[in-house]
Amino acid sequence: MAQTLPALKTDMFLPFVVLSLWGATLASLTCLQQTDLKSLIAYSSISHMGLVIAAISIQTQWGLAGAMAMMVAHGFTSSALFCLANTTYERTQTRILILTRGFHNIMPMTTTWWLLTNLMNMATPPSMNFTGELLIAASLFNWCPTIIILFGLLMLITASYSLHVF
């Protein structure tokens, strides 16, 4: 398999991996503070791309496969989230999260789609996000076992803001 980055020792990329995971964690923490739905989805995208950068930086086959799976899955999930945000906005005329609470009885089909896309955003099985994150987690753990702490923190925060949206 061809390398995507220059043929350097992968230990040289440790600062990039840590920085990308730290940036993804900070973007996820920013998601927890968002009141605007579209901003939350946009910061969620930044968080997912931090994982992709980390996976590409370590230059393993599993890391690259996980990055590719994550990018494809992110394209579907993010598009669905933005579509649902627009649908909700057209019906409620607001994107503020606190004002869009309690619509489960009024819009049951939209609520079902919100649940499914948020579960995909959290990378629950059998979604493609789960496959990508599992491959990335395995490659990161094999590359540097202590980096799994940042990865686990990132997954916990991602689940928190995804449930907060729903």
Protein backbone atom coordinates (compact mmCIF):
# COMPACT_ATOMS: atom_id res chain seq x y z
CA MET A 1 0.00 0.00 0.00
CA ALA A 2 1.38 3.41 -0.92
CA GLN A 3 2.14 5.87 1.83
CA THR A 4 0.22 9.12 1.83
CA LEU A 5 2.83 11.11 3.72
CA PRO A 6 6.60 11.24 3.24
CA ALA A 7 8.46 8.10 4.30
CA LEU A 8 9.47 9.20 7.78
CA LYS A 9 9.60 7.30 10.99
CA THR A 10 6.05 7.31 12.33
CA ASP A 11 7.29 8.40 15.75
CA MET A 12 7.87 11.80 14.15
CA PHE A 13 4.10 12.15 13.77
CA LEU A 14 3.28 11.73 17.48
CA PRO A 15 2.81 15.50 17.98
CA PHE A 16 0.42 15.61 15.01
CA VAL A 17 -1.60 12.68 16.31
CA VAL A 18 -1.84 14.12 19.81
CA LEU A 19 -2.67 17.57 18.45
CA SER A 20 -5.37 16.23 16.14
CA LEU A 21 -6.99 14.18 18.91
CA TRP A 22 -6.74 17.11 21.33
CA GLY A 23 -8.31 19.40 18.71
CA ALA A 24 -11.07 16.87 18.16
CA THR A 25 -11.67 16.73 21.91
CA LEU A 26 -11.85 20.52 22.15
CA ALA A 27 -14.25 20.64 19.20
CA SER A 28 -16.41 18.05 20.96
CA LEU A 29 -16.38 20.12 24.15
CA THR A 30 -17.44 23.11 22.06
CA CYS A 31 -20.36 21.01 20.80
CA LEU A 32 -21.54 20.58 24.37
CA GLN A 33 -21.74 24.38 24.74
CA GLN A 34 -23.57 25.09 21.48
CA THR A 35 -27.13 26.33 21.49
CA ASP A 36 -27.43 26.55 17.69
CA LEU A 37 -28.13 23.25 15.98
CA LYS A 38 -26.21 23.92 12.76
CA SER A 39 -23.15 25.12 14.67
CA LEU A 40 -23.21 21.96 16.75
CA ILE A 41 -23.28 19.80 13.61
CA ALA A 42 -20.41 21.81 12.09
CA TYR A 43 -18.23 21.41 15.20
CA SER A 44 -19.11 17.74 15.20
CA SER A 45 -17.62 17.54 11.71
CA ILE A 46 -14.40 19.13 12.96
CA SER A 47 -14.26 16.53 15.71
CA HIS A 48 -14.64 13.65 13.27
CA MET A 49 -11.98 15.06 10.95
CA GLY A 50 -9.54 15.18 13.88
CA LEU A 51 -9.87 11.40 14.07
CA VAL A 52 -9.25 11.14 10.34
CA ILE A 53 -6.06 13.23 10.62
CA ALA A 54 -4.80 11.03 13.46
CA ALA A 55 -5.52 7.87 11.47
CA ILE A 56 -3.80 9.16 8.34
CA SER A 57 -0.79 10.37 10.33
CA ILE A 58 0.15 6.95 11.68
CA GLN A 59 0.28 5.48 8.16
CA THR A 60 -0.95 1.96 8.83
CA GLN A 61 -3.31 -0.01 6.62
CA TRP A 62 -5.95 -0.19 9.32
CA GLY A 63 -5.56 3.51 10.04
CA LEU A 64 -5.97 4.45 6.38
CA ALA A 65 -8.93 2.06 5.96
CA GLY A 66 -10.53 3.52 9.09
CA ALA A 67 -9.94 7.06 7.84
CA MET A 68 -11.56 6.23 4.51
CA ALA A 69 -14.54 4.56 6.20
CA MET A 70 -14.88 7.51 8.58
CA MET A 71 -14.83 10.04 5.74
CA VAL A 72 -17.48 8.19 3.73
CA ALA A 73 -19.66 7.63 6.79
CA HIS A 74 -19.21 11.24 7.85
CA GLY A 75 -20.42 12.39 4.45
CA PHE A 76 -23.69 10.49 4.87
CA THR A 77 -24.18 11.26 8.56
CA SER A 78 -23.35 14.94 8.39
CA SER A 79 -25.57 15.43 5.34
CA ALA A 80 -28.44 13.70 7.11
CA LEU A 81 -27.94 15.82 10.24
CA PHE A 82 -27.94 19.06 8.24
CA CYS A 83 -31.04 17.90 6.34
CA LEU A 84 -32.84 17.15 9.59
CA ALA A 85 -31.72 20.48 11.05
CA ASN A 86 -33.24 22.24 8.05
CA THR A 87 -36.44 20.20 8.30
CA THR A 88 -36.74 21.08 11.97
CA TYR A 89 -36.02 24.74 11.22
CA GLU A 90 -38.70 24.88 8.52
CA ARG A 91 -41.28 23.55 10.95
CA THR A 92 -40.24 25.50 14.06
CA GLN A 93 -38.55 28.62 12.58
CA THR A 94 -35.72 28.29 15.10
CA ARG A 95 -32.41 26.47 15.35
CA ILE A 96 -31.99 26.96 19.10
CA LEU A 97 -31.81 23.59 20.82
CA ILE A 98 -33.75 24.53 23.94
CA LEU A 99 -36.71 25.70 21.85
CA THR A 100 -36.87 22.54 19.76
CA ARG A 101 -37.35 20.22 22.73
CA GLY A 102 -40.50 18.18 23.19
CA PHE A 103 -41.42 17.64 19.55
CA HIS A 104 -41.38 13.86 19.89
CA ASN A 105 -45.17 13.63 19.93
CA ILE A 106 -45.73 16.29 17.27
CA MET A 107 -43.17 15.01 14.74
CA PRO A 108 -42.72 11.27 15.36
CA MET A 109 -41.17 10.43 11.97
CA THR A 110 -38.67 13.28 12.21
CA THR A 111 -37.85 12.15 15.74
CA THR A 112 -37.15 8.65 14.45
CA TRP A 113 -34.75 10.01 11.84
CA TRP A 114 -33.05 12.20 14.47
CA LEU A 115 -32.56 9.12 16.64
CA LEU A 116 -31.09 7.06 13.80
CA THR A 117 -28.70 9.78 12.60
CA ASN A 118 -27.57 10.60 16.13
CA LEU A 119 -26.89 6.92 16.73
CA MET A 120 -24.82 6.90 13.54
CA ASN A 121 -23.02 10.05 14.70
CA MET A 122 -22.17 8.30 17.98
CA ALA A 123 -20.77 5.37 15.98
CA THR A 124 -23.02 2.67 17.33
CA PRO A 125 -23.02 -0.69 15.56
CA PRO A 126 -23.83 -1.55 12.77
CA SER A 127 -23.17 1.93 11.34
CA MET A 128 -20.25 2.64 9.05
CA ASN A 129 -19.01 5.21 11.58
CA PHE A 130 -18.55 2.35 14.02
CA THR A 131 -16.42 0.46 11.51
CA GLY A 132 -14.26 3.52 10.88
CA GLU A 133 -13.83 4.36 14.55
CA LEU A 134 -13.10 0.74 15.45
CA LEU A 135 -10.37 0.53 12.80
CA ILE A 136 -8.94 3.88 13.91
CA ALA A 137 -9.05 2.87 17.59
CA ALA A 138 -7.29 -0.43 16.88
CA SER A 139 -4.58 1.21 14.81
CA LEU A 140 -4.04 4.00 17.34
CA PHE A 141 -3.86 1.50 20.20
CA ASN A 142 -1.35 -0.67 18.33
CA TRP A 143 0.72 2.40 17.50
CA CYS A 144 0.71 4.01 20.97
CA PRO A 145 -1.34 2.41 23.76
CA THR A 146 -1.51 5.55 25.92
CA ILE A 147 -3.20 7.55 23.15
CA ILE A 148 -6.34 5.50 23.74
CA ILE A 149 -7.07 7.75 26.75
CA LEU A 150 -7.61 10.75 24.47
CA PHE A 151 -9.59 8.59 22.05
CA GLY A 152 -11.84 7.29 24.82
CA LEU A 153 -12.43 10.80 26.15
CA LEU A 154 -13.35 11.93 22.66
CA MET A 155 -15.85 9.08 22.24
CA LEU A 156 -17.45 9.84 25.61
CA ILE A 157 -17.91 13.52 24.78
CA THR A 158 -19.22 12.67 21.30
CA ALA A 159 -21.88 10.40 22.81
CA SER A 160 -22.79 13.15 25.29
CA TYR A 161 -23.46 15.87 22.73
CA SER A 162 -25.19 13.47 20.36
CA LEU A 163 -27.62 12.50 23.10
CA HIS A 164 -27.96 16.18 24.04
CA VAL A 165 -29.16 16.95 20.50
CA PHE A 166 -31.75 14.20 20.61
